[in-house]
Amino acid sequence: MAIRTRGVVLFDMGDTLIHGDRARRLALRFGVDQSEAEAAVQRVDRWFMARERRAWHDGVGDFSRRWAVMVTEILGLQADEREVAEFAQPGEHDWRLHPEAEAVLVELAARGYACGLVSNWSLAGRGLAERLGLHRHLPVMVFSAEVGCEKPAPEIFAHALHLLGAAPRDALYVGDNYWDDVVGARRAGILPLIVDRVGRLPHPGHGDVPLVRDLRGVLAWTAPLVPPVRELAVAD
């Protein structure tokens, strides 16, 4: 079966629909403000996204040590960088749904939109998404490790749209970083939207892409489809 629709919202997974527990644990361990820890973690993550994407995705080389040095400096921690390095990458069980995620996905479905997932993730991604219940709201979930290409390549977005039976002009892509999400969505002809929860995410295109503070902001970009145009049809 394939979904035929003229209204699609595609989501990134990590730090968009779900979040790791690194900043909270970092704040508790070292006695710093959690919002400051969240801003530092996201700032350093995005530095690696922009300049050393492979290190950030796969933790290659001395990524954890370098990540820790940068976070330690930003937060002014009096700590051994080896203690901070353990927070460089979230573990499988560190991930949680953002509090508003499920309600937003339910509302989008009620408005007539089909929702899907496009994520750069290992082969563990589908199991994680299912453990968190995302499969109940996202009939199409595309993971880079399963399809052999990753954002910002337009092919991974095109694959999701094909499964949904939708055209790029009818889709919105919601992510959290410029380099994978905005660049990739635009290459695929999809309108991008960035979730900036801490209000200070650095990216090179600041001002040229819409920003929302959490997933509830997506609803302002998705007026109800009247009449709803989603229907199930057998794929050709």
Foldseek 3Di string as FASTA:
>chain_A
DFKAALAEEEEEPEPAFKYFCLLVVVCVVQVDDSLQSVVQLLQLLQVCVVPPVVCSQPVPDVSLLVSLVSSCVSRVTPDDSVVSSVSSDGDLVRMAGDPCNVVLLVVLVVLQYAYAYAYAHAPCVVVSCVVRPVVVRHVYYFYCNVPVDAFLALVSVVVRCVRNNYAQVNYEYEYAHCRGFVNSSVVNNHQYEHADQSPDRDDPPPPPHHYDNGSVVVCVVRGRDVVRDMDDDDDD
